[in-house]
Amino acid sequence: MGGFAKVFKAQNLLDNIDYAMKKIVIKTKNKTSEVIVNEIHSILTEIRCFAKIKHKHIVRYNHSWIEIELKVFIL
């Protein structure tokens, strides 16, 4: 658990509050669907763990979402 990722400082345009945003990219090239599903399952497990943790020395979980990057090639 705890995948490698980049963390960004982001400000919500609606509430003007700064947040730490962890971006996890799942690379699918040359991977079987089973490996990809296992990676997604691991990430979802991490999200669920963070959602339950409440500690003064750990950044509080706020929200998560999934984005699917679509690539279009026109020849």
PDB file of N, CA and C in Angstrom:
ATOM      1  N   MET A   1       0.850  -1.176   0.000  1.00  0.00           N
ATOM      2  CA  MET A   1       0.000   0.000   0.000  1.00  0.00           C
ATOM      3  C   MET A   1       0.896   1.240   0.000  1.00  0.00           C
ATOM      4  N   GLY A   2       0.376   2.320  -0.513  1.00  0.00           N
ATOM      5  CA  GLY A   2       1.149   3.555  -0.549  1.00  0.00           C
ATOM      6  C   GLY A   2       1.963   3.639  -1.818  1.00  0.00           C
ATOM      7  N   GLY A   3       1.285   3.909  -2.913  1.00  0.00           N
ATOM      8  CA  GLY A   3       1.960   3.962  -4.199  1.00  0.00           C
ATOM      9  C   GLY A   3       2.793   5.222  -4.365  1.00  0.00           C
ATOM     10  N   PHE A   4       3.756   5.148  -5.276  1.00  0.00           N
ATOM     11  CA  PHE A   4       4.558   6.315  -5.585  1.00  0.00           C
ATOM     12  C   PHE A   4       3.690   7.300  -6.344  1.00  0.00           C
ATOM     13  N   ALA A   5       3.803   8.558  -5.980  1.00  0.00           N
ATOM     14  CA  ALA A   5       2.966   9.572  -6.602  1.00  0.00           C
ATOM     15  C   ALA A   5       3.596  10.938  -6.409  1.00  0.00           C
ATOM     16  N   LYS A   6       3.048  11.889  -7.127  1.00  0.00           N
ATOM     17  CA  LYS A   6       3.454  13.282  -6.933  1.00  0.00           C
ATOM     18  C   LYS A   6       2.405  13.953  -6.065  1.00  0.00           C
ATOM     19  N   VAL A   7       2.862  14.853  -5.190  1.00  0.00           N
ATOM     20  CA  VAL A   7       1.950  15.602  -4.338  1.00  0.00           C
ATOM     21  C   VAL A   7       2.065  17.073  -4.704  1.00  0.00           C
ATOM     22  N   PHE A   8       0.918  17.696  -4.882  1.00  0.00           N
ATOM     23  CA  PHE A   8       0.860  19.093  -5.279  1.00  0.00           C
ATOM     24  C   PHE A   8       0.111  19.907  -4.238  1.00  0.00           C
ATOM     25  N   LYS A   9       0.456  21.171  -4.139  1.00  0.00           N
ATOM     26  CA  LYS A   9      -0.330  22.106  -3.343  1.00  0.00           C
ATOM     27  C   LYS A   9      -1.360  22.711  -4.286  1.00  0.00           C
ATOM     28  N   ALA A  10      -2.629  22.601  -3.930  1.00  0.00           N
ATOM     29  CA  ALA A  10      -3.701  23.099  -4.790  1.00  0.00           C
ATOM     30  C   ALA A  10      -4.664  23.942  -3.968  1.00  0.00           C
ATOM     31  N   GLN A  11      -5.195  24.964  -4.583  1.00  0.00           N
ATOM     32  CA  GLN A  11      -6.170  25.812  -3.899  1.00  0.00           C
ATOM     33  C   GLN A  11      -7.527  25.622  -4.557  1.00  0.00           C
ATOM     34  N   ASN A  12      -8.526  25.319  -3.745  1.00  0.00           N
ATOM     35  CA  ASN A  12      -9.888  25.171  -4.234  1.00  0.00           C
ATOM     36  C   ASN A  12     -10.429  26.550  -4.588  1.00  0.00           C
ATOM     37  N   LEU A  13     -10.935  26.701  -5.799  1.00  0.00           N
ATOM     38  CA  LEU A  13     -11.433  28.002  -6.248  1.00  0.00           C
ATOM     39  C   LEU A  13     -12.726  28.406  -5.560  1.00  0.00           C
ATOM     40  N   LEU A  14     -13.446  27.463  -4.983  1.00  0.00           N
ATOM     41  CA  LEU A  14     -14.706  27.789  -4.327  1.00  0.00           C
ATOM     42  C   LEU A  14     -14.528  28.222  -2.874  1.00  0.00           C
ATOM     43  N   ASP A  15     -13.645  27.526  -2.140  1.00  0.00           N
ATOM     44  CA  ASP A  15     -13.487  27.864  -0.719  1.00  0.00           C
ATOM     45  C   ASP A  15     -12.160  28.549  -0.395  1.00  0.00           C
ATOM     46  N   ASN A  16     -11.280  28.710  -1.394  1.00  0.00           N
ATOM     47  CA  ASN A  16      -9.970  29.359  -1.231  1.00  0.00           C
ATOM     48  C   ASN A  16      -9.078  28.689  -0.186  1.00  0.00           C
ATOM     49  N   ILE A  17      -9.288  27.410   0.062  1.00  0.00           N
ATOM     50  CA  ILE A  17      -8.474  26.671   1.024  1.00  0.00           C
ATOM     51  C   ILE A  17      -7.417  25.879   0.251  1.00  0.00           C
ATOM     52  N   ASP A  18      -6.193  25.861   0.798  1.00  0.00           N
ATOM     53  CA  ASP A  18      -5.105  25.086   0.199  1.00  0.00           C
ATOM     54  C   ASP A  18      -5.212  23.620   0.620  1.00  0.00           C
ATOM     55  N   TYR A  19      -4.959  22.745  -0.330  1.00  0.00           N
ATOM     56  CA  TYR A  19      -5.010  21.313  -0.081  1.00  0.00           C
ATOM     57  C   TYR A  19      -3.751  20.659  -0.634  1.00  0.00           C
ATOM     58  N   ALA A  20      -3.363  19.539  -0.047  1.00  0.00           N
ATOM     59  CA  ALA A  20      -2.312  18.695  -0.622  1.00  0.00           C
ATOM     60  C   ALA A  20      -3.031  17.694  -1.515  1.00  0.00           C
ATOM     61  N   MET A  21      -2.620  17.618  -2.766  1.00  0.00           N
ATOM     62  CA  MET A  21      -3.273  16.729  -3.715  1.00  0.00           C
ATOM     63  C   MET A  21      -2.264  15.691  -4.195  1.00  0.00           C
ATOM     64  N   LYS A  22      -2.559  14.438  -3.945  1.00  0.00           N
ATOM     65  CA  LYS A  22      -1.696  13.344  -4.367  1.00  0.00           C
ATOM     66  C   LYS A  22      -2.234  12.783  -5.680  1.00  0.00           C
ATOM     67  N   LYS A  23      -1.389  12.795  -6.700  1.00  0.00           N
ATOM     68  CA  LYS A  23      -1.789  12.289  -8.017  1.00  0.00           C
ATOM     69  C   LYS A  23      -1.070  10.969  -8.280  1.00  0.00           C
ATOM     70  N   ILE A  24      -1.855   9.928  -8.469  1.00  0.00           N
ATOM     71  CA  ILE A  24      -1.313   8.605  -8.759  1.00  0.00           C
ATOM     72  C   ILE A  24      -1.668   8.266 -10.210  1.00  0.00           C
ATOM     73  N   VAL A  25      -0.661   8.010 -11.007  1.00  0.00           N
ATOM     74  CA  VAL A  25      -0.866   7.655 -12.404  1.00  0.00           C
ATOM     75  C   VAL A  25      -0.678   6.143 -12.548  1.00  0.00           C
ATOM     76  N   ILE A  26      -1.648   5.503 -13.148  1.00  0.00           N
ATOM     77  CA  ILE A  26      -1.550   4.063 -13.402  1.00  0.00           C
ATOM     78  C   ILE A  26      -1.108   3.895 -14.848  1.00  0.00           C
ATOM     79  N   LYS A  27       0.079   3.365 -15.016  1.00  0.00           N
ATOM     80  CA  LYS A  27       0.590   3.123 -16.368  1.00  0.00           C
ATOM     81  C   LYS A  27       0.126   1.748 -16.821  1.00  0.00           C
ATOM     82  N   THR A  28      -0.516   1.723 -17.974  1.00  0.00           N
ATOM     83  CA  THR A  28      -1.118   0.479 -18.447  1.00  0.00           C
ATOM     84  C   THR A  28      -0.335  -0.202 -19.563  1.00  0.00           C
ATOM     85  N   LYS A  29       0.621   0.495 -20.135  1.00  0.00           N
ATOM     86  CA  LYS A  29       1.355  -0.059 -21.271  1.00  0.00           C
ATOM     87  C   LYS A  29       2.106  -1.332 -20.866  1.00  0.00           C
ATOM     88  N   ASN A  30       1.957  -2.356 -21.669  1.00  0.00           N
ATOM     89  CA  ASN A  30       2.620  -3.657 -21.472  1.00  0.00           C
ATOM     90  C   ASN A  30       2.227  -4.355 -20.170  1.00  0.00           C
ATOM     91  N   LYS A  31       1.029  -4.058 -19.649  1.00  0.00           N
ATOM     92  CA  LYS A  31       0.544  -4.723 -18.428  1.00  0.00           C
ATOM     93  C   LYS A  31      -0.718  -5.503 -18.759  1.00  0.00           C
ATOM     94  N   THR A  32      -0.877  -6.627 -18.092  1.00  0.00           N
ATOM     95  CA  THR A  32      -2.098  -7.402 -18.270  1.00  0.00           C
ATOM     96  C   THR A  32      -3.238  -6.717 -17.515  1.00  0.00           C
ATOM     97  N   SER A  33      -4.455  -7.034 -17.905  1.00  0.00           N
ATOM     98  CA  SER A  33      -5.601  -6.445 -17.215  1.00  0.00           C
ATOM     99  C   SER A  33      -5.624  -6.865 -15.750  1.00  0.00           C
ATOM    100  N   GLU A  34      -5.126  -8.050 -15.441  1.00  0.00           N
ATOM    101  CA  GLU A  34      -5.083  -8.519 -14.049  1.00  0.00           C
ATOM    102  C   GLU A  34      -4.157  -7.636 -13.209  1.00  0.00           C
ATOM    103  N   VAL A  35      -3.008  -7.275 -13.748  1.00  0.00           N
ATOM    104  CA  VAL A  35      -2.057  -6.416 -13.035  1.00  0.00           C
ATOM    105  C   VAL A  35      -2.666  -5.032 -12.824  1.00  0.00           C
ATOM    106  N   ILE A  36      -3.328  -4.504 -13.834  1.00  0.00           N
ATOM    107  CA  ILE A  36      -3.954  -3.183 -13.727  1.00  0.00           C
ATOM    108  C   ILE A  36      -5.046  -3.200 -12.667  1.00  0.00           C
ATOM    109  N   VAL A  37      -5.881  -4.221 -12.677  1.00  0.00           N
ATOM    110  CA  VAL A  37      -6.948  -4.336 -11.679  1.00  0.00           C
ATOM    111  C   VAL A  37      -6.361  -4.427 -10.272  1.00  0.00           C
ATOM    112  N   ASN A  38      -5.266  -5.158 -10.105  1.00  0.00           N
ATOM    113  CA  ASN A  38      -4.613  -5.257  -8.794  1.00  0.00           C
ATOM    114  C   ASN A  38      -4.080  -3.903  -8.328  1.00  0.00           C
ATOM    115  N   GLU A  39      -3.510  -3.129  -9.260  1.00  0.00           N
ATOM    116  CA  GLU A  39      -3.022  -1.790  -8.907  1.00  0.00           C
ATOM    117  C   GLU A  39      -4.173  -0.885  -8.481  1.00  0.00           C
ATOM    118  N   ILE A  40      -5.276  -0.931  -9.224  1.00  0.00           N
ATOM    119  CA  ILE A  40      -6.446  -0.113  -8.867  1.00  0.00           C
ATOM    120  C   ILE A  40      -6.976  -0.531  -7.506  1.00  0.00           C
ATOM    121  N   HIS A  41      -7.028  -1.815  -7.259  1.00  0.00           N
ATOM    122  CA  HIS A  41      -7.499  -2.312  -5.953  1.00  0.00           C
ATOM    123  C   HIS A  41      -6.601  -1.806  -4.820  1.00  0.00           C
ATOM    124  N   SER A  42      -5.292  -1.820  -5.038  1.00  0.00           N
ATOM    125  CA  SER A  42      -4.345  -1.337  -4.031  1.00  0.00           C
ATOM    126  C   SER A  42      -4.554   0.154  -3.744  1.00  0.00           C
ATOM    127  N   ILE A  43      -4.769   0.925  -4.797  1.00  0.00           N
ATOM    128  CA  ILE A  43      -5.002   2.369  -4.632  1.00  0.00           C
ATOM    129  C   ILE A  43      -6.301   2.619  -3.889  1.00  0.00           C
ATOM    130  N   LEU A  44      -7.356   1.883  -4.228  1.00  0.00           N
ATOM    131  CA  LEU A  44      -8.635   2.049  -3.527  1.00  0.00           C
ATOM    132  C   LEU A  44      -8.517   1.667  -2.054  1.00  0.00           C
ATOM    133  N   THR A  45      -7.702   0.653  -1.760  1.00  0.00           N
ATOM    134  CA  THR A  45      -7.454   0.280  -0.363  1.00  0.00           C
ATOM    135  C   THR A  45      -6.767   1.419   0.383  1.00  0.00           C
ATOM    136  N   GLU A  46      -5.787   2.052  -0.257  1.00  0.00           N
ATOM    137  CA  GLU A  46      -5.096   3.203   0.348  1.00  0.00           C
ATOM    138  C   GLU A  46      -6.076   4.339   0.610  1.00  0.00           C
ATOM    139  N   ILE A  47      -6.940   4.629  -0.354  1.00  0.00           N
ATOM    140  CA  ILE A  47      -7.928   5.701  -0.191  1.00  0.00           C
ATOM    141  C   ILE A  47      -8.839   5.417   0.994  1.00  0.00           C
ATOM    142  N   ARG A  48      -9.310   4.189   1.092  1.00  0.00           N
ATOM    143  CA  ARG A  48     -10.216   3.831   2.189  1.00  0.00           C
ATOM    144  C   ARG A  48      -9.519   3.926   3.547  1.00  0.00           C
ATOM    145  N   CYS A  49      -8.242   3.576   3.592  1.00  0.00           N
ATOM    146  CA  CYS A  49      -7.486   3.694   4.842  1.00  0.00           C
ATOM    147  C   CYS A  49      -7.330   5.164   5.242  1.00  0.00           C
ATOM    148  N   PHE A  50      -6.939   6.008   4.275  1.00  0.00           N
ATOM    149  CA  PHE A  50      -6.793   7.440   4.562  1.00  0.00           C
ATOM    150  C   PHE A  50      -8.108   8.052   5.023  1.00  0.00           C
ATOM    151  N   ALA A  51      -9.208   7.617   4.449  1.00  0.00           N
ATOM    152  CA  ALA A  51     -10.514   8.167   4.807  1.00  0.00           C
ATOM    153  C   ALA A  51     -10.862   7.886   6.273  1.00  0.00           C
ATOM    154  N   LYS A  52     -10.332   6.806   6.830  1.00  0.00           N
ATOM    155  CA  LYS A  52     -10.646   6.425   8.214  1.00  0.00           C
ATOM    156  C   LYS A  52      -9.719   7.056   9.250  1.00  0.00           C
ATOM    157  N   ILE A  53      -8.539   7.500   8.830  1.00  0.00           N
ATOM    158  CA  ILE A  53      -7.541   7.998   9.778  1.00  0.00           C
ATOM    159  C   ILE A  53      -7.884   9.410  10.246  1.00  0.00           C
ATOM    160  N   LYS A  54      -7.846   9.591  11.543  1.00  0.00           N
ATOM    161  CA  LYS A  54      -8.022  10.922  12.124  1.00  0.00           C
ATOM    162  C   LYS A  54      -6.940  11.094  13.185  1.00  0.00           C
ATOM    163  N   HIS A  55      -5.896  11.849  12.843  1.00  0.00           N
ATOM    164  CA  HIS A  55      -4.762  12.040  13.740  1.00  0.00           C
ATOM    165  C   HIS A  55      -4.185  13.428  13.517  1.00  0.00           C
ATOM    166  N   LYS A  56      -3.773  14.077  14.583  1.00  0.00           N
ATOM    167  CA  LYS A  56      -3.307  15.459  14.462  1.00  0.00           C
ATOM    168  C   LYS A  56      -2.001  15.598  13.679  1.00  0.00           C
ATOM    169  N   HIS A  57      -1.240  14.516  13.493  1.00  0.00           N
ATOM    170  CA  HIS A  57       0.024  14.581  12.765  1.00  0.00           C
ATOM    171  C   HIS A  57      -0.057  13.997  11.350  1.00  0.00           C
ATOM    172  N   ILE A  58      -1.258  13.680  10.917  1.00  0.00           N
ATOM    173  CA  ILE A  58      -1.456  13.120   9.577  1.00  0.00           C
ATOM    174  C   ILE A  58      -2.415  14.020   8.814  1.00  0.00           C
ATOM    175  N   VAL A  59      -2.054  14.325   7.567  1.00  0.00           N
ATOM    176  CA  VAL A  59      -2.907  15.167   6.734  1.00  0.00           C
ATOM    177  C   VAL A  59      -4.277  14.505   6.612  1.00  0.00           C
ATOM    178  N   ARG A  60      -5.312  15.300   6.783  1.00  0.00           N
ATOM    179  CA  ARG A  60      -6.681  14.782   6.748  1.00  0.00           C
ATOM    180  C   ARG A  60      -7.121  14.491   5.317  1.00  0.00           C
ATOM    181  N   TYR A  61      -7.765  13.356   5.142  1.00  0.00           N
ATOM    182  CA  TYR A  61      -8.320  12.987   3.841  1.00  0.00           C
ATOM    183  C   TYR A  61      -9.554  13.840   3.587  1.00  0.00           C
ATOM    184  N   ASN A  62      -9.696  14.317   2.344  1.00  0.00           N
ATOM    185  CA  ASN A  62     -10.851  15.147   2.019  1.00  0.00           C
ATOM    186  C   ASN A  62     -11.701  14.549   0.913  1.00  0.00           C
ATOM    187  N   HIS A  63     -11.067  14.170  -0.192  1.00  0.00           N
ATOM    188  CA  HIS A  63     -11.845  13.742  -1.352  1.00  0.00           C
ATOM    189  C   HIS A  63     -10.936  12.981  -2.325  1.00  0.00           C
ATOM    190  N   SER A  64     -11.523  12.160  -3.147  1.00  0.00           N
ATOM    191  CA  SER A  64     -10.757  11.505  -4.212  1.00  0.00           C
ATOM    192  C   SER A  64     -11.649  11.344  -5.435  1.00  0.00           C
ATOM    193  N   TRP A  65     -11.006  11.177  -6.578  1.00  0.00           N
ATOM    194  CA  TRP A  65     -11.742  10.948  -7.819  1.00  0.00           C
ATOM    195  C   TRP A  65     -10.841  10.220  -8.798  1.00  0.00           C
ATOM    196  N   ILE A  66     -11.452   9.693  -9.826  1.00  0.00           N
ATOM    197  CA  ILE A  66     -10.714   8.986 -10.868  1.00  0.00           C
ATOM    198  C   ILE A  66     -10.910   9.735 -12.178  1.00  0.00           C
ATOM    199  N   GLU A  67      -9.812   9.953 -12.871  1.00  0.00           N
ATOM    200  CA  GLU A  67      -9.861  10.543 -14.201  1.00  0.00           C
ATOM    201  C   GLU A  67      -9.282   9.542 -15.190  1.00  0.00           C
ATOM    202  N   ILE A  68      -9.927   9.406 -16.313  1.00  0.00           N
ATOM    203  CA  ILE A  68      -9.429   8.520 -17.357  1.00  0.00           C
ATOM    204  C   ILE A  68      -8.939   9.399 -18.501  1.00  0.00           C
ATOM    205  N   GLU A  69      -7.661   9.232 -18.810  1.00  0.00           N
ATOM    206  CA  GLU A  69      -7.082  10.013 -19.904  1.00  0.00           C
ATOM    207  C   GLU A  69      -7.404   9.331 -21.216  1.00  0.00           C
ATOM    208  N   LEU A  70      -7.967  10.088 -22.095  1.00  0.00           N
ATOM    209  CA  LEU A  70      -8.336   9.574 -23.396  1.00  0.00           C
ATOM    210  C   LEU A  70      -7.400  10.167 -24.441  1.00  0.00           C
ATOM    211  N   LYS A  71      -6.775   9.321 -25.203  1.00  0.00           N
ATOM    212  CA  LYS A  71      -5.879   9.803 -26.261  1.00  0.00           C
ATOM    213  C   LYS A  71      -6.525   9.532 -27.606  1.00  0.00           C
ATOM    214  N   VAL A  72      -6.557  10.553 -28.432  1.00  0.00           N
ATOM    215  CA  VAL A  72      -7.141  10.424 -29.767  1.00  0.00           C
ATOM    216  C   VAL A  72      -6.060  10.746 -30.785  1.00  0.00           C
ATOM    217  N   PHE A  73      -5.894   9.866 -31.743  1.00  0.00           N
ATOM    218  CA  PHE A  73      -4.920  10.070 -32.806  1.00  0.00           C
ATOM    219  C   PHE A  73      -5.672  10.210 -34.124  1.00  0.00           C
ATOM    220  N   ILE A  74      -5.390  11.279 -34.831  1.00  0.00           N
ATOM    221  CA  ILE A  74      -6.020  11.489 -36.132  1.00  0.00           C
ATOM    222  C   ILE A  74      -4.932  11.455 -37.184  1.00  0.00           C
ATOM    223  N   LEU A  75      -5.105  10.598 -38.165  1.00  0.00           N
ATOM    224  CA  LEU A  75      -4.108  10.454 -39.231  1.00  0.00           C
ATOM    225  C   LEU A  75      -4.636  11.051 -40.511  1.00  0.00           C
TER     226      LEU A  75
END
